[in-house]
Amino acid sequence: MSSFDMQYDEDDDVLEVNFADYDEQFAHTLALNDHIFVFTDIGLGTVWGITFYSFSRLLGVSETEFTALKDLPDVKVDACLALLSVPPASHFFDITIPHALIARIRTPTVEAMVTGRTIVRDLAGDDPEDTR
């Protein structure tokens, strides 16, 4: 990844992540649910940014459901899930049950964001595993 910007507002509990500069006139805002919004190109080919509202609460639950995708055509849902399953978006999502639109929210390391690799550390803090 060439660059990224992350800003967390503690008072509002909002995490904004931008992976590229983009013109909001040409961005497609895709709601995943009431708390997660993805900014993509019109063709759902690139993720430009993600905004998480109630971010700490999202981290406190084991899974979240992408309820807003349920009303979309299957083709668009499949394109969205494919987009979320590859970097840079996959650094923040683990799509655990795709057909039920269920995912876990991740907190990537800076190393993972810079290198493009997904680094998973076990709970004991032992050696990281590179899952590329």
N, C-alpha and C. Protein backbone atom coordinates (compact mmCIF):
# COMPACT_ATOMS: atom_id res chain seq x y z
N MET A 1 0.85 -1.16 0.00
CA MET A 1 0.00 0.00 0.00
C MET A 1 0.90 1.22 0.00
N SER A 2 0.57 2.16 -0.88
CA SER A 2 1.43 3.33 -0.99
C SER A 2 1.29 4.28 0.19
N SER A 3 0.07 4.52 0.65
CA SER A 3 -0.12 5.38 1.81
C SER A 3 -1.50 5.12 2.40
N PHE A 4 -1.66 5.56 3.63
CA PHE A 4 -2.96 5.46 4.29
C PHE A 4 -3.00 6.49 5.40
N ASP A 5 -4.22 6.80 5.83
CA ASP A 5 -4.41 7.75 6.90
C ASP A 5 -5.48 7.20 7.82
N MET A 6 -5.19 7.12 9.11
CA MET A 6 -6.18 6.68 10.09
C MET A 6 -6.34 7.76 11.13
N GLN A 7 -7.59 8.09 11.43
CA GLN A 7 -7.89 9.07 12.48
C GLN A 7 -8.97 8.50 13.38
N TYR A 8 -8.71 8.55 14.67
CA TYR A 8 -9.69 8.07 15.65
C TYR A 8 -10.14 9.24 16.51
N ASP A 9 -11.44 9.43 16.61
CA ASP A 9 -12.02 10.46 17.46
C ASP A 9 -12.58 9.75 18.69
N GLU A 10 -11.90 9.88 19.81
CA GLU A 10 -12.29 9.19 21.04
C GLU A 10 -13.66 9.67 21.55
N ASP A 11 -13.91 10.96 21.47
CA ASP A 11 -15.19 11.48 21.97
C ASP A 11 -16.39 10.90 21.23
N ASP A 12 -16.26 10.80 19.91
CA ASP A 12 -17.37 10.27 19.10
C ASP A 12 -17.22 8.77 18.83
N ASP A 13 -16.07 8.20 19.19
CA ASP A 13 -15.77 6.78 18.96
C ASP A 13 -15.88 6.44 17.47
N VAL A 14 -15.21 7.24 16.64
CA VAL A 14 -15.24 7.06 15.19
C VAL A 14 -13.82 6.85 14.69
N LEU A 15 -13.64 5.79 13.90
CA LEU A 15 -12.37 5.55 13.23
C LEU A 15 -12.57 5.76 11.74
N GLU A 16 -11.79 6.66 11.17
CA GLU A 16 -11.81 6.91 9.73
C GLU A 16 -10.49 6.45 9.15
N VAL A 17 -10.57 5.63 8.12
CA VAL A 17 -9.39 5.11 7.45
C VAL A 17 -9.50 5.46 5.98
N ASN A 18 -8.46 6.11 5.45
CA ASN A 18 -8.41 6.42 4.02
C ASN A 18 -7.19 5.76 3.42
N PHE A 19 -7.41 5.06 2.33
CA PHE A 19 -6.32 4.36 1.65
C PHE A 19 -5.81 5.13 0.45
N ALA A 20 -6.59 6.11 0.00
CA ALA A 20 -6.20 6.90 -1.17
C ALA A 20 -7.00 8.20 -1.15
N ASP A 21 -6.44 9.21 -1.79
CA ASP A 21 -7.20 10.45 -1.98
C ASP A 21 -8.25 10.18 -3.06
N TYR A 22 -9.44 10.70 -2.86
CA TYR A 22 -10.50 10.49 -3.85
C TYR A 22 -11.43 11.68 -3.87
N ASP A 23 -12.06 11.85 -5.00
CA ASP A 23 -13.03 12.92 -5.18
C ASP A 23 -14.39 12.39 -4.74
N GLU A 24 -14.97 13.00 -3.73
CA GLU A 24 -16.24 12.51 -3.17
C GLU A 24 -17.37 12.50 -4.21
N GLN A 25 -17.24 13.30 -5.27
CA GLN A 25 -18.25 13.31 -6.32
C GLN A 25 -18.27 11.98 -7.08
N PHE A 26 -17.14 11.28 -7.09
CA PHE A 26 -17.04 10.03 -7.84
C PHE A 26 -17.01 8.81 -6.93
N ALA A 27 -17.17 9.02 -5.64
CA ALA A 27 -17.14 7.91 -4.69
C ALA A 27 -18.54 7.34 -4.49
N HIS A 28 -18.57 6.06 -4.27
CA HIS A 28 -19.80 5.36 -3.93
C HIS A 28 -19.72 5.03 -2.45
N THR A 29 -20.69 5.50 -1.67
CA THR A 29 -20.73 5.20 -0.24
C THR A 29 -21.62 3.99 -0.05
N LEU A 30 -21.03 2.94 0.50
CA LEU A 30 -21.74 1.69 0.70
C LEU A 30 -21.87 1.43 2.19
N ALA A 31 -23.10 1.46 2.68
CA ALA A 31 -23.34 1.14 4.09
C ALA A 31 -23.32 -0.37 4.25
N LEU A 32 -22.53 -0.85 5.21
CA LEU A 32 -22.56 -2.28 5.53
C LEU A 32 -23.59 -2.55 6.62
N ASN A 33 -23.69 -1.62 7.54
CA ASN A 33 -24.72 -1.62 8.59
C ASN A 33 -24.79 -0.19 9.14
N ASP A 34 -25.41 -0.01 10.28
CA ASP A 34 -25.54 1.35 10.83
C ASP A 34 -24.22 1.93 11.32
N HIS A 35 -23.17 1.11 11.42
CA HIS A 35 -21.91 1.55 12.03
C HIS A 35 -20.72 1.54 11.09
N ILE A 36 -20.86 0.93 9.91
CA ILE A 36 -19.71 0.78 9.02
C ILE A 36 -20.07 1.24 7.61
N PHE A 37 -19.25 2.16 7.08
CA PHE A 37 -19.45 2.68 5.74
C PHE A 37 -18.15 2.55 4.95
N VAL A 38 -18.28 2.06 3.73
CA VAL A 38 -17.13 1.85 2.85
C VAL A 38 -17.26 2.81 1.68
N PHE A 39 -16.15 3.43 1.32
CA PHE A 39 -16.10 4.37 0.19
C PHE A 39 -15.32 3.70 -0.93
N THR A 40 -15.99 3.52 -2.07
CA THR A 40 -15.39 2.82 -3.19
C THR A 40 -15.57 3.63 -4.47
N ASP A 41 -14.97 3.12 -5.52
CA ASP A 41 -15.26 3.66 -6.83
C ASP A 41 -16.64 3.14 -7.25
N ILE A 42 -17.21 3.71 -8.26
CA ILE A 42 -18.57 3.37 -8.70
C ILE A 42 -18.69 1.89 -9.06
N GLY A 43 -17.66 1.30 -9.61
CA GLY A 43 -17.71 -0.10 -10.04
C GLY A 43 -17.37 -1.11 -8.97
N LEU A 44 -17.21 -0.66 -7.73
CA LEU A 44 -16.82 -1.54 -6.61
C LEU A 44 -15.52 -2.30 -6.89
N GLY A 45 -14.56 -1.60 -7.50
CA GLY A 45 -13.28 -2.22 -7.80
C GLY A 45 -12.18 -1.87 -6.82
N THR A 46 -12.35 -0.78 -6.08
CA THR A 46 -11.31 -0.29 -5.17
C THR A 46 -11.95 0.30 -3.92
N VAL A 47 -11.38 -0.02 -2.77
CA VAL A 47 -11.81 0.63 -1.53
C VAL A 47 -10.92 1.84 -1.31
N TRP A 48 -11.54 3.00 -1.17
CA TRP A 48 -10.79 4.22 -0.91
C TRP A 48 -10.78 4.56 0.57
N GLY A 49 -11.78 4.12 1.30
CA GLY A 49 -11.83 4.44 2.72
C GLY A 49 -12.91 3.66 3.44
N ILE A 50 -12.80 3.63 4.76
CA ILE A 50 -13.79 2.97 5.61
C ILE A 50 -13.99 3.86 6.83
N THR A 51 -15.24 4.02 7.25
CA THR A 51 -15.54 4.74 8.48
C THR A 51 -16.30 3.79 9.41
N PHE A 52 -15.82 3.71 10.64
CA PHE A 52 -16.44 2.88 11.67
C PHE A 52 -16.99 3.80 12.75
N TYR A 53 -18.29 3.76 12.96
CA TYR A 53 -18.92 4.49 14.06
C TYR A 53 -19.09 3.51 15.21
N SER A 54 -18.96 3.99 16.45
CA SER A 54 -18.99 3.12 17.65
C SER A 54 -17.92 2.05 17.53
N PHE A 55 -16.72 2.47 17.13
CA PHE A 55 -15.64 1.54 16.85
C PHE A 55 -15.29 0.65 18.04
N SER A 56 -15.17 1.23 19.23
CA SER A 56 -14.80 0.40 20.38
C SER A 56 -15.87 -0.64 20.69
N ARG A 57 -17.11 -0.29 20.43
CA ARG A 57 -18.20 -1.26 20.62
C ARG A 57 -18.11 -2.39 19.59
N LEU A 58 -17.75 -2.06 18.36
CA LEU A 58 -17.56 -3.08 17.33
C LEU A 58 -16.45 -4.05 17.71
N LEU A 59 -15.41 -3.52 18.35
CA LEU A 59 -14.31 -4.39 18.78
C LEU A 59 -14.72 -5.29 19.94
N GLY A 60 -15.73 -4.86 20.70
CA GLY A 60 -16.16 -5.62 21.87
C GLY A 60 -17.11 -6.76 21.58
N VAL A 61 -17.62 -6.83 20.35
CA VAL A 61 -18.52 -7.92 19.99
C VAL A 61 -17.75 -8.95 19.17
N SER A 62 -18.18 -10.19 19.25
CA SER A 62 -17.45 -11.23 18.53
C SER A 62 -17.64 -11.14 17.02
N GLU A 63 -18.82 -10.70 16.59
CA GLU A 63 -19.09 -10.60 15.16
C GLU A 63 -20.07 -9.45 14.90
N THR A 64 -20.08 -8.99 13.67
CA THR A 64 -21.06 -7.99 13.26
C THR A 64 -21.70 -8.45 11.96
N GLU A 65 -22.93 -8.05 11.76
CA GLU A 65 -23.66 -8.45 10.56
C GLU A 65 -23.77 -7.26 9.62
N PHE A 66 -23.56 -7.51 8.34
CA PHE A 66 -23.68 -6.47 7.32
C PHE A 66 -25.14 -6.39 6.87
N THR A 67 -26.00 -5.91 7.77
CA THR A 67 -27.45 -5.90 7.55
C THR A 67 -27.86 -5.07 6.34
N ALA A 68 -27.14 -4.01 6.04
CA ALA A 68 -27.52 -3.14 4.92
C ALA A 68 -27.31 -3.81 3.57
N LEU A 69 -26.53 -4.88 3.53
CA LEU A 69 -26.30 -5.57 2.26
C LEU A 69 -27.44 -6.50 1.89
N LYS A 70 -28.29 -6.83 2.85
CA LYS A 70 -29.36 -7.79 2.61
C LYS A 70 -30.35 -7.34 1.53
N ASP A 71 -30.51 -6.04 1.36
CA ASP A 71 -31.46 -5.51 0.38
C ASP A 71 -30.86 -5.32 -1.01
N LEU A 72 -29.58 -5.62 -1.15
CA LEU A 72 -28.92 -5.41 -2.44
C LEU A 72 -29.00 -6.67 -3.30
N PRO A 73 -28.87 -6.50 -4.61
CA PRO A 73 -28.83 -7.67 -5.49
C PRO A 73 -27.61 -8.55 -5.17
N ASP A 74 -27.75 -9.85 -5.37
CA ASP A 74 -26.67 -10.79 -5.06
C ASP A 74 -25.36 -10.43 -5.75
N VAL A 75 -25.43 -9.95 -6.97
CA VAL A 75 -24.22 -9.59 -7.71
C VAL A 75 -23.46 -8.49 -6.98
N LYS A 76 -24.18 -7.50 -6.48
CA LYS A 76 -23.54 -6.39 -5.76
C LYS A 76 -23.00 -6.86 -4.41
N VAL A 77 -23.74 -7.72 -3.72
CA VAL A 77 -23.28 -8.27 -2.45
C VAL A 77 -21.99 -9.06 -2.66
N ASP A 78 -21.97 -9.90 -3.69
CA ASP A 78 -20.77 -10.70 -3.97
C ASP A 78 -19.57 -9.80 -4.30
N ALA A 79 -19.81 -8.73 -5.06
CA ALA A 79 -18.72 -7.80 -5.40
C ALA A 79 -18.21 -7.10 -4.15
N CYS A 80 -19.11 -6.73 -3.26
CA CYS A 80 -18.73 -6.07 -2.02
C CYS A 80 -17.92 -7.00 -1.13
N LEU A 81 -18.39 -8.23 -0.95
CA LEU A 81 -17.66 -9.19 -0.11
C LEU A 81 -16.29 -9.49 -0.69
N ALA A 82 -16.20 -9.59 -2.01
CA ALA A 82 -14.90 -9.81 -2.65
C ALA A 82 -13.95 -8.65 -2.37
N LEU A 83 -14.48 -7.44 -2.43
CA LEU A 83 -13.68 -6.24 -2.17
C LEU A 83 -13.19 -6.19 -0.72
N LEU A 84 -14.05 -6.62 0.21
CA LEU A 84 -13.69 -6.60 1.63
C LEU A 84 -12.74 -7.74 2.01
N SER A 85 -12.60 -8.71 1.12
CA SER A 85 -11.79 -9.89 1.41
C SER A 85 -10.34 -9.76 0.97
N VAL A 86 -9.99 -8.64 0.35
CA VAL A 86 -8.61 -8.41 -0.10
C VAL A 86 -8.10 -7.10 0.47
N PRO A 87 -6.76 -6.97 0.59
CA PRO A 87 -6.21 -5.71 1.09
C PRO A 87 -6.59 -4.55 0.18
N PRO A 88 -6.79 -3.39 0.73
CA PRO A 88 -6.54 -3.01 2.11
C PRO A 88 -7.71 -3.29 3.07
N ALA A 89 -8.91 -3.50 2.55
CA ALA A 89 -10.08 -3.67 3.43
C ALA A 89 -9.96 -4.91 4.32
N SER A 90 -9.35 -5.97 3.79
CA SER A 90 -9.26 -7.21 4.57
C SER A 90 -8.42 -7.06 5.84
N HIS A 91 -7.66 -5.98 5.94
CA HIS A 91 -6.93 -5.72 7.18
C HIS A 91 -7.90 -5.42 8.33
N PHE A 92 -9.11 -5.00 7.98
CA PHE A 92 -10.09 -4.60 8.99
C PHE A 92 -11.25 -5.57 9.14
N PHE A 93 -11.37 -6.52 8.21
CA PHE A 93 -12.49 -7.46 8.25
C PHE A 93 -12.02 -8.90 8.11
N ASP A 94 -12.65 -9.76 8.87
CA ASP A 94 -12.52 -11.21 8.68
C ASP A 94 -13.93 -11.69 8.39
N ILE A 95 -14.21 -11.96 7.12
CA ILE A 95 -15.55 -12.40 6.71
C ILE A 95 -15.69 -13.86 7.16
N THR A 96 -16.38 -14.07 8.26
CA THR A 96 -16.44 -15.41 8.86
C THR A 96 -17.53 -16.29 8.27
N ILE A 97 -18.70 -15.71 7.96
CA ILE A 97 -19.80 -16.48 7.36
C ILE A 97 -20.35 -15.65 6.20
N PRO A 98 -19.76 -15.79 5.01
CA PRO A 98 -20.13 -14.92 3.89
C PRO A 98 -21.62 -14.98 3.53
N HIS A 99 -22.20 -16.15 3.46
CA HIS A 99 -23.60 -16.25 3.04
C HIS A 99 -24.56 -15.60 4.05
N ALA A 100 -24.14 -15.47 5.30
CA ALA A 100 -24.96 -14.82 6.33
C ALA A 100 -24.53 -13.37 6.55
N LEU A 101 -23.52 -12.91 5.78
CA LEU A 101 -23.01 -11.54 5.88
C LEU A 101 -22.49 -11.22 7.28
N ILE A 102 -21.75 -12.15 7.84
CA ILE A 102 -21.20 -12.03 9.19
C ILE A 102 -19.68 -11.86 9.09
N ALA A 103 -19.15 -10.90 9.88
CA ALA A 103 -17.70 -10.65 9.88
C ALA A 103 -17.24 -10.25 11.27
N ARG A 104 -15.96 -10.39 11.48
CA ARG A 104 -15.30 -9.87 12.68
C ARG A 104 -14.54 -8.63 12.26
N ILE A 105 -14.47 -7.67 13.16
CA ILE A 105 -13.69 -6.46 12.92
C ILE A 105 -12.28 -6.70 13.45
N ARG A 106 -11.31 -6.36 12.64
CA ARG A 106 -9.89 -6.52 13.02
C ARG A 106 -9.27 -5.16 13.30
N THR A 107 -8.19 -5.20 14.02
CA THR A 107 -7.36 -4.00 14.21
C THR A 107 -5.97 -4.33 13.67
N PRO A 108 -5.67 -3.89 12.47
CA PRO A 108 -4.39 -4.25 11.87
C PRO A 108 -3.22 -3.53 12.52
N THR A 109 -2.06 -4.14 12.38
CA THR A 109 -0.83 -3.49 12.82
C THR A 109 -0.39 -2.51 11.74
N VAL A 110 0.41 -1.56 12.10
CA VAL A 110 0.98 -0.65 11.11
C VAL A 110 1.82 -1.45 10.12
N GLU A 111 2.53 -2.45 10.62
CA GLU A 111 3.34 -3.30 9.74
C GLU A 111 2.48 -3.94 8.66
N ALA A 112 1.33 -4.44 9.03
CA ALA A 112 0.44 -5.06 8.06
C ALA A 112 -0.06 -4.05 7.03
N MET A 113 -0.38 -2.85 7.50
CA MET A 113 -0.87 -1.81 6.59
C MET A 113 0.20 -1.38 5.59
N VAL A 114 1.44 -1.28 6.06
CA VAL A 114 2.53 -0.83 5.19
C VAL A 114 2.96 -1.92 4.21
N THR A 115 3.07 -3.14 4.70
CA THR A 115 3.57 -4.23 3.85
C THR A 115 2.49 -4.88 3.01
N GLY A 116 1.23 -4.70 3.40
CA GLY A 116 0.14 -5.35 2.68
C GLY A 116 -0.12 -6.77 3.15
N ARG A 117 0.64 -7.23 4.14
CA ARG A 117 0.45 -8.58 4.67
C ARG A 117 -0.46 -8.51 5.87
N THR A 118 -1.19 -9.58 6.10
CA THR A 118 -2.02 -9.68 7.29
C THR A 118 -1.21 -10.39 8.36
N ILE A 119 -0.93 -9.69 9.44
CA ILE A 119 -0.15 -10.24 10.55
C ILE A 119 -1.11 -10.62 11.66
N VAL A 120 -1.09 -11.88 12.03
CA VAL A 120 -1.96 -12.37 13.09
C VAL A 120 -1.09 -12.76 14.27
N ARG A 121 -1.37 -12.19 15.44
CA ARG A 121 -0.62 -12.53 16.64
C ARG A 121 -1.53 -13.34 17.55
N ASP A 122 -0.95 -14.36 18.16
CA ASP A 122 -1.79 -15.14 19.07
C ASP A 122 -1.97 -14.38 20.37
N LEU A 123 -2.90 -14.80 21.19
CA LEU A 123 -3.23 -14.08 22.41
C LEU A 123 -2.09 -14.02 23.41
N ALA A 124 -1.18 -14.96 23.33
CA ALA A 124 -0.04 -14.97 24.26
C ALA A 124 1.03 -13.98 23.83
N GLY A 125 0.88 -13.43 22.61
CA GLY A 125 1.86 -12.46 22.14
C GLY A 125 3.11 -13.12 21.58
N ASP A 126 3.03 -14.41 21.29
CA ASP A 126 4.17 -15.11 20.73
C ASP A 126 4.41 -14.67 19.30
N ASP A 127 5.28 -15.37 18.63
CA ASP A 127 5.67 -14.99 17.28
C ASP A 127 4.47 -14.78 16.36
N PRO A 128 4.51 -13.70 15.59
CA PRO A 128 3.40 -13.45 14.66
C PRO A 128 3.43 -14.43 13.51
N GLU A 129 2.26 -14.63 12.91
CA GLU A 129 2.15 -15.48 11.74
C GLU A 129 1.73 -14.60 10.59
N ASP A 130 2.45 -14.72 9.47
CA ASP A 130 2.14 -13.97 8.26
C ASP A 130 1.17 -14.80 7.44
N THR A 131 -0.07 -14.33 7.28
CA THR A 131 -1.06 -15.11 6.56
C THR A 131 -1.24 -14.67 5.11
N ARG A 132 -0.49 -13.65 4.70
CA ARG A 132 -0.59 -13.12 3.35
C ARG A 132 -1.89 -13.42 2.76
